[in-house]
């Protein structure tokens, strides 16, 4: 919010400056004449007709400034109301007792998990936009897009301050291309495909995977997977702000998310979006459903303690349901810094 207020403040100051200059110019154009016998000076101002039009426009700009201020105050009230309601949901998540729940029924663990993830916070981001994605005719749905909070001015200001990390490309570059067009530097990774090292004006591609440990990849994937902190260190980004981290790594995210938290890799990450893959992918990763869901819930609790909040939940409509639940879905977490 501070970033957005600063932009509006600069804009309003810019609105007023020409008005001040206009008054000064009017005085400069004034022709002084001395009143007969009065001993006082009168000021007669001659104003060219062409001067009035921009002056009227300037008063209009001042009115815009007032409207922006009113809109900001209304938005602030709305976000404060949402934050009050969010607090109850956040407290409920933080009070969950997850240790020693290995004997919990899988249906109970799944139910708690979906209640938490399908109720994102509403008072953390005011400007949420979907970036990228493409229509999949066979499935009758849009796939591949990610929700991004544009309250972060650096993402769209095109001032060279936006840094994006993206894991999982396959054949869909729509997210990366659009972030590139906004002026972001994008580092893209995928071990299953091979592209050139550069794309667009600021996209860099590396044939590399992401996991919770240094791993030799098989089953169609080529090369190696590393941890997030190792990859960022290799790019000299250990202390750089990552405006957005996009992750779609087909089930590896359960362990990877835990590793990010433990290693401190999320210290400078402002927001991240990842696709979660639950049952039956849990079994492919050697996890039973209870363990998988409780580990993810534990990670969400730890993210909340780090100052992150869940701001978006979107089921992947191209994947079938399991026992009435979506098994793949997109989550976006971001730091609670703009409206806190």
Protein backbone atom coordinates (compact mmCIF):
# COMPACT_ATOMS: atom_id res chain seq x y z
CA UNK A 1 0.00 0.00 0.00
CA UNK A 2 2.90 2.35 0.73
CA UNK A 3 4.17 1.86 -2.82
CA UNK A 4 0.78 2.68 -4.35
CA UNK A 5 0.31 5.71 -2.08
CA UNK A 6 3.73 7.03 -3.11
CA UNK A 7 2.76 6.82 -6.78
CA UNK A 8 -0.47 8.71 -6.16
CA UNK A 9 1.31 11.33 -4.04
CA UNK A 10 3.83 11.98 -6.79
CA UNK A 11 0.99 12.22 -9.30
CA UNK A 12 -0.95 14.74 -7.22
CA UNK A 13 2.14 16.89 -6.69
CA UNK A 14 2.65 16.78 -10.43
CA UNK A 15 -0.97 17.93 -10.82
CA UNK A 16 -0.41 20.97 -8.61
CA UNK A 17 2.90 22.17 -10.00
CA UNK A 18 1.49 23.51 -13.31
CA UNK A 19 -1.21 25.34 -11.37
CA UNK A 20 1.43 27.11 -9.27
CA UNK A 21 3.32 27.96 -12.44
CA UNK A 22 0.12 29.30 -14.00
CA UNK A 23 -0.45 31.73 -11.12
CA UNK A 24 3.14 32.89 -11.38
CA UNK A 25 2.77 33.44 -15.10
CA UNK A 26 -0.42 35.45 -14.59
CA UNK A 27 1.43 37.79 -12.25
CA UNK A 28 4.31 38.05 -14.70
CA UNK A 29 1.87 39.10 -17.42
CA UNK A 30 0.32 41.74 -15.20
CA UNK A 31 0.64 45.37 -16.27
CA UNK A 32 0.98 47.72 -13.35
CA UNK A 33 -0.63 51.14 -13.53
CA UNK A 34 -0.80 53.82 -10.87
CA UNK A 35 -4.23 55.06 -9.85
CA UNK A 36 -4.78 58.85 -10.25
CA UNK A 37 -4.26 60.59 -6.95
CA UNK A 38 -4.64 57.40 -4.95
CA UNK A 39 -0.98 56.66 -4.47
CA UNK A 40 -1.86 52.96 -4.71
CA UNK A 41 -0.84 50.46 -7.26
CA UNK A 42 -3.46 48.57 -9.22
CA UNK A 43 -2.70 45.37 -11.09
CA UNK A 44 -4.36 44.67 -14.40
CA UNK A 45 -3.75 41.19 -15.80
CA UNK A 46 -3.98 40.45 -19.48
CA UNK A 47 -4.65 36.75 -20.06
CA UNK A 48 -4.27 35.32 -23.56
CA UNK A 49 -7.32 33.16 -24.51
CA UNK A 50 -5.07 30.20 -25.32
CA UNK A 51 -3.87 30.24 -21.71
CA UNK A 52 -7.25 29.45 -20.18
CA UNK A 53 -7.72 25.99 -21.73
CA UNK A 54 -4.74 24.26 -20.04
CA UNK A 55 -5.65 26.02 -16.79
CA UNK A 56 -9.13 24.50 -16.87
CA UNK A 57 -7.58 21.12 -17.60
CA UNK A 58 -5.34 21.55 -14.58
CA UNK A 59 -8.34 22.11 -12.30
CA UNK A 60 -9.72 18.86 -13.76
CA UNK A 61 -6.48 17.10 -12.81
CA UNK A 62 -6.85 18.38 -9.26
CA UNK A 63 -10.33 16.86 -9.17
CA UNK A 64 -8.80 13.56 -10.30
CA UNK A 65 -6.35 13.78 -7.41
CA UNK A 66 -9.23 14.18 -4.98
CA UNK A 67 -11.04 11.22 -6.53
CA UNK A 68 -7.92 9.06 -6.21
CA UNK A 69 -7.59 9.98 -2.55
CA UNK A 70 -11.25 9.13 -1.92
CA UNK A 71 -10.85 5.83 -3.73
CA UNK A 72 -7.76 4.99 -1.68
CA UNK A 73 -9.57 5.72 1.58
CA UNK A 74 -12.53 3.56 0.51
CA UNK A 75 -10.18 0.73 -0.50
CA UNK A 76 -8.39 0.98 2.84
CA UNK A 77 -11.69 0.62 4.71
CA UNK A 78 -12.66 -2.36 2.57
CA UNK A 79 -9.32 -4.11 3.14
CA UNK A 80 -9.49 -3.47 6.89
CA UNK A 81 -12.91 -5.15 6.97
CA UNK A 82 -11.60 -8.14 5.02
CA UNK A 83 -8.58 -8.41 7.31
CA UNK A 84 -10.82 -8.60 10.37
CA UNK A 85 -12.65 -11.53 8.81
CA UNK A 86 -9.40 -13.14 7.64
CA UNK A 87 -8.07 -13.19 11.20
CA UNK A 88 -10.60 -15.81 12.26
CA UNK A 89 -9.57 -18.14 9.41
CA UNK A 90 -5.86 -17.62 10.11
CA UNK A 91 -6.29 -18.28 13.83
CA UNK A 92 -8.17 -21.47 13.01
CA UNK A 93 -5.30 -22.70 10.82
CA UNK A 94 -2.66 -21.86 13.40
CA UNK A 95 -4.55 -23.75 16.13
CA UNK A 96 -4.68 -27.00 14.18
CA UNK A 97 -3.03 -29.83 16.12
CA UNK A 98 -1.19 -31.81 13.45
CA UNK A 99 1.46 -33.70 15.41
CA UNK A 100 0.65 -37.29 16.27
CA UNK A 101 -2.16 -37.45 13.70
CA UNK A 102 -0.80 -40.48 11.82
CA UNK A 103 -3.93 -42.44 12.74
CA UNK A 104 -6.29 -39.78 11.41
CA UNK A 105 -8.70 -41.03 8.76
CA UNK A 106 -7.62 -40.02 5.26
CA UNK A 107 -11.08 -38.52 4.66
CA UNK A 108 -10.72 -36.29 7.75
CA UNK A 109 -7.22 -35.14 6.79
CA UNK A 110 -8.37 -34.40 3.25
CA UNK A 111 -11.44 -32.49 4.46
CA UNK A 112 -9.41 -30.24 6.77
CA UNK A 113 -6.86 -29.58 4.04
CA UNK A 114 -9.44 -28.54 1.46
CA UNK A 115 -11.28 -26.33 3.95
CA UNK A 116 -8.03 -24.45 4.60
CA UNK A 117 -6.84 -24.12 1.01
CA UNK A 118 -10.20 -23.16 -0.49
CA UNK A 119 -10.56 -20.19 1.89
CA UNK A 120 -7.84 -17.70 0.85
CA UNK A 121 -7.33 -14.39 2.65
CA UNK A 122 -9.14 -11.39 1.14
CA UNK A 123 -7.41 -8.56 2.97
CA UNK A 124 -3.86 -9.15 1.75
CA UNK A 125 -4.07 -8.36 -1.97
CA UNK A 126 -6.36 -5.85 -3.65
CA UNK A 127 -5.19 -6.23 -7.25
CA UNK A 128 -5.06 -9.91 -8.21
CA UNK A 129 -4.70 -10.69 -11.92
CA UNK A 130 -4.28 -13.92 -13.85
CA UNK A 131 -1.20 -13.98 -16.09
CA UNK A 132 -0.70 -16.42 -18.95
CA UNK A 133 -2.59 -19.62 -19.69
CA UNK A 134 -4.19 -21.10 -22.77
CA UNK A 135 -7.50 -22.71 -23.70
CA UNK A 136 -7.41 -26.52 -23.77
CA UNK A 137 -10.19 -27.53 -26.13
CA UNK A 138 -10.10 -31.23 -25.21
CA UNK A 139 -10.69 -30.46 -21.52
CA UNK A 140 -12.90 -27.42 -22.07
CA UNK A 141 -10.88 -25.28 -19.68
CA UNK A 142 -8.06 -22.74 -19.46
CA UNK A 143 -4.75 -24.08 -18.14
CA UNK A 144 -1.29 -22.75 -17.35
CA UNK A 145 -2.09 -19.28 -16.00
CA UNK A 146 -0.98 -18.01 -12.59
CA UNK A 147 -2.60 -15.42 -10.35
CA UNK A 148 -0.25 -12.56 -9.47
CA UNK A 149 -0.81 -9.75 -6.95
CA UNK A 150 -0.07 -6.47 -8.70
CA UNK A 151 -0.07 -4.51 -5.45
CA UNK A 152 3.68 -5.07 -5.86
CA UNK A 153 4.52 -2.01 -7.96
CA UNK A 154 7.90 -3.41 -9.06
CA UNK A 155 6.18 -6.07 -11.16
CA UNK A 156 4.50 -3.67 -13.56
CA UNK A 157 6.49 -0.42 -13.24
CA UNK A 158 9.01 -1.59 -15.88
CA UNK A 159 11.94 -0.10 -13.98
CA UNK A 160 14.19 -3.17 -14.02
CA UNK A 161 13.37 -4.15 -10.42
CA UNK A 162 11.21 -7.22 -11.13
CA UNK A 163 12.77 -10.69 -10.85
CA UNK A 164 10.81 -13.88 -11.61
CA UNK A 165 11.78 -17.53 -11.09
CA UNK A 166 9.70 -20.08 -13.00
CA UNK A 167 9.96 -23.87 -12.67
CA UNK A 168 8.01 -26.06 -15.10
CA UNK A 169 7.57 -24.81 -18.66
CA UNK A 170 6.79 -27.76 -20.94
CA UNK A 171 5.42 -26.07 -24.09
CA UNK A 172 3.58 -23.16 -22.45
CA UNK A 173 5.52 -19.88 -22.29
CA UNK A 174 2.48 -17.61 -21.89
CA UNK A 175 3.17 -16.68 -18.25
CA UNK A 176 6.86 -16.04 -18.82
CA UNK A 177 6.29 -14.08 -22.03
CA UNK A 178 3.73 -11.78 -20.41
CA UNK A 179 5.93 -11.13 -17.38
CA UNK A 180 8.78 -10.39 -19.79
CA UNK A 181 6.58 -7.86 -21.59
CA UNK A 182 5.91 -6.15 -18.25
CA UNK A 183 9.65 -5.60 -17.90
CA UNK A 184 10.57 -8.45 -15.55
CA UNK A 185 13.73 -10.51 -15.75
CA UNK A 186 12.61 -14.15 -15.90
CA UNK A 187 14.72 -17.21 -15.05
CA UNK A 188 12.91 -20.28 -16.40
CA UNK A 189 13.76 -23.92 -15.64
CA UNK A 190 12.56 -27.29 -16.89
CA UNK A 191 14.50 -30.58 -17.12
CA UNK A 192 12.06 -32.25 -19.54
CA UNK A 193 12.47 -29.90 -22.52
CA UNK A 194 15.30 -28.20 -24.35
CA UNK A 195 15.16 -24.57 -25.48
CA UNK A 196 17.66 -21.87 -26.30
CA UNK A 197 19.28 -20.05 -23.37
CA UNK A 198 17.43 -16.78 -24.02
CA UNK A 199 14.01 -15.65 -25.14
CA UNK A 200 12.27 -12.28 -25.53
CA UNK A 201 14.02 -9.32 -23.97
CA UNK A 202 14.74 -10.75 -20.53
CA UNK A 203 14.01 -14.51 -20.31
CA UNK A 204 16.82 -16.92 -19.44
CA UNK A 205 16.25 -20.68 -19.75
CA UNK A 206 18.16 -23.49 -18.00
CA UNK A 207 17.51 -27.19 -18.42
CA UNK A 208 17.32 -27.94 -14.73
CA UNK A 209 14.81 -29.33 -12.24
CA UNK A 210 13.68 -28.31 -8.75
CA UNK A 211 13.44 -30.74 -5.83
CA UNK A 212 14.03 -31.04 -2.09
CA UNK A 213 17.54 -32.40 -2.64
CA UNK A 214 20.20 -32.84 -5.30
CA UNK A 215 18.58 -35.48 -7.52
CA UNK A 216 19.45 -37.31 -10.73
CA UNK A 217 16.27 -37.25 -12.79
CA UNK A 218 14.84 -40.15 -14.76
CA UNK A 219 11.58 -41.16 -16.48
CA UNK A 220 11.70 -38.72 -19.37
CA UNK A 221 13.41 -35.90 -17.48
CA UNK A 222 16.96 -35.09 -18.45
CA UNK A 223 19.72 -33.80 -16.23
CA UNK A 224 19.58 -32.92 -12.54
CA UNK A 225 17.33 -31.26 -9.99
CA UNK A 226 18.65 -28.98 -7.27
CA UNK A 227 17.18 -27.18 -4.28
CA UNK A 228 15.85 -23.63 -4.63
CA UNK A 229 18.54 -22.07 -2.44
CA UNK A 230 21.29 -23.82 -4.43
CA UNK A 231 19.90 -22.55 -7.74
CA UNK A 232 19.50 -18.98 -6.47
CA UNK A 233 23.06 -19.03 -5.10
CA UNK A 234 24.33 -20.20 -8.50
CA UNK A 235 22.66 -17.16 -10.09
CA UNK A 236 23.98 -14.78 -7.40
CA UNK A 237 20.40 -14.16 -6.23
CA UNK A 238 20.70 -15.33 -2.61
CA UNK A 239 20.03 -11.81 -1.36
CA UNK A 240 17.92 -10.59 -4.29
CA UNK A 241 14.19 -9.92 -4.03
CA UNK A 242 12.23 -12.55 -5.97
CA UNK A 243 8.97 -10.81 -6.90
CA UNK A 244 7.31 -14.03 -8.02
CA UNK A 245 8.22 -17.71 -7.80
CA UNK A 246 6.19 -19.96 -10.10
CA UNK A 247 6.36 -23.71 -9.46
CA UNK A 248 4.79 -26.66 -11.30
CA UNK A 249 6.99 -29.69 -10.63
CA UNK A 250 4.52 -32.59 -10.79
CA UNK A 251 4.40 -33.79 -7.19
CA UNK A 252 7.88 -32.82 -6.01
CA UNK A 253 6.42 -29.70 -4.38
CA UNK A 254 5.53 -31.41 -1.06
CA UNK A 255 9.16 -32.01 -0.10
CA UNK A 256 10.42 -28.93 -1.96
CA UNK A 257 8.10 -26.62 0.00
CA UNK A 258 9.41 -28.02 3.27
CA UNK A 259 13.01 -27.51 2.11
CA UNK A 260 12.36 -23.88 1.15
CA UNK A 261 11.10 -23.16 4.66
CA UNK A 262 13.96 -24.91 6.46
CA UNK A 263 16.72 -23.49 4.23
CA UNK A 264 15.47 -19.92 4.31
CA UNK A 265 15.13 -19.84 0.51
CA UNK A 266 11.88 -17.86 0.85
CA UNK A 267 13.49 -15.03 2.83
CA UNK A 268 13.47 -12.63 -0.12
CA UNK A 269 10.48 -14.10 -2.01
CA UNK A 270 7.47 -11.75 -2.07
CA UNK A 271 4.92 -14.17 -3.53
CA UNK A 272 4.84 -17.62 -5.06
CA UNK A 273 2.34 -19.71 -6.96
CA UNK A 274 2.53 -23.46 -7.11
CA UNK A 275 0.38 -26.25 -8.43
CA UNK A 276 -0.27 -28.86 -5.76
CA UNK A 277 -0.76 -32.49 -6.76
CA UNK A 278 -2.54 -34.60 -4.15
CA UNK A 279 -3.83 -38.20 -4.33
CA UNK A 280 -3.14 -40.30 -6.36
CA UNK A 281 0.17 -38.48 -6.94
CA UNK A 282 0.89 -38.93 -3.22
CA UNK A 283 1.30 -42.65 -3.84
CA UNK A 284 3.73 -42.00 -6.70
CA UNK A 285 5.85 -39.99 -4.26
CA UNK A 286 5.70 -42.73 -1.62
CA UNK A 287 3.19 -40.89 0.60
CA UNK A 288 -0.07 -42.11 2.06
CA UNK A 289 -2.87 -39.49 1.94
CA UNK A 290 -2.86 -38.73 5.68
CA UNK A 291 0.89 -38.07 5.67
CA UNK A 292 0.68 -36.02 2.49
CA UNK A 293 -2.16 -33.77 3.67
CA UNK A 294 -0.77 -33.27 7.20
CA UNK A 295 2.68 -32.40 5.83
CA UNK A 296 1.16 -29.79 3.53
CA UNK A 297 -0.96 -28.35 6.35
CA UNK A 298 2.14 -28.15 8.56
CA UNK A 299 3.96 -26.28 5.80
CA UNK A 300 1.06 -23.81 5.52
CA UNK A 301 1.23 -23.14 9.26
CA UNK A 302 4.97 -22.46 8.96
CA UNK A 303 4.40 -20.16 5.99
CA UNK A 304 1.88 -18.17 8.04
CA UNK A 305 4.48 -17.79 10.80
CA UNK A 306 6.90 -16.44 8.19
CA UNK A 307 4.40 -13.75 7.25
CA UNK A 308 2.93 -15.38 4.13
CA UNK A 309 -0.79 -15.64 3.49
CA UNK A 310 -2.76 -17.74 1.04
CA UNK A 311 -4.40 -15.30 -1.39
CA UNK A 312 -5.63 -17.52 -4.23
CA UNK A 313 -7.04 -21.02 -4.73
CA UNK A 314 -7.95 -22.29 -8.19
CA UNK A 315 -8.72 -25.93 -9.09
CA UNK A 316 -7.16 -27.31 -12.25
CA UNK A 317 -10.27 -28.08 -14.30
CA UNK A 318 -8.31 -30.16 -16.83
CA UNK A 319 -7.67 -32.90 -14.23
CA UNK A 320 -10.32 -35.37 -13.00
CA UNK A 321 -11.65 -35.37 -9.44
CA UNK A 322 -10.82 -38.06 -6.88
CA UNK A 323 -13.59 -38.96 -4.40
CA UNK A 324 -15.33 -35.72 -5.32
CA UNK A 325 -12.26 -33.51 -4.73
CA UNK A 326 -10.02 -31.74 -7.21
CA UNK A 327 -6.64 -33.45 -7.10
CA UNK A 328 -4.64 -30.66 -8.81
CA UNK A 329 -5.01 -26.98 -7.96
CA UNK A 330 -3.11 -23.71 -7.94
CA UNK A 331 -2.26 -21.89 -4.71
CA UNK A 332 -0.68 -18.45 -4.38
CA UNK A 333 1.03 -17.30 -1.19
CA UNK A 334 2.32 -13.78 -0.66
CA UNK A 335 3.87 -11.76 2.12
CA UNK A 336 1.41 -9.67 4.07
CA UNK A 337 3.20 -6.35 3.58
CA UNK A 338 0.99 -4.05 1.49
CA UNK A 339 -2.10 -3.73 3.70
CA UNK A 340 -0.69 -4.77 7.07
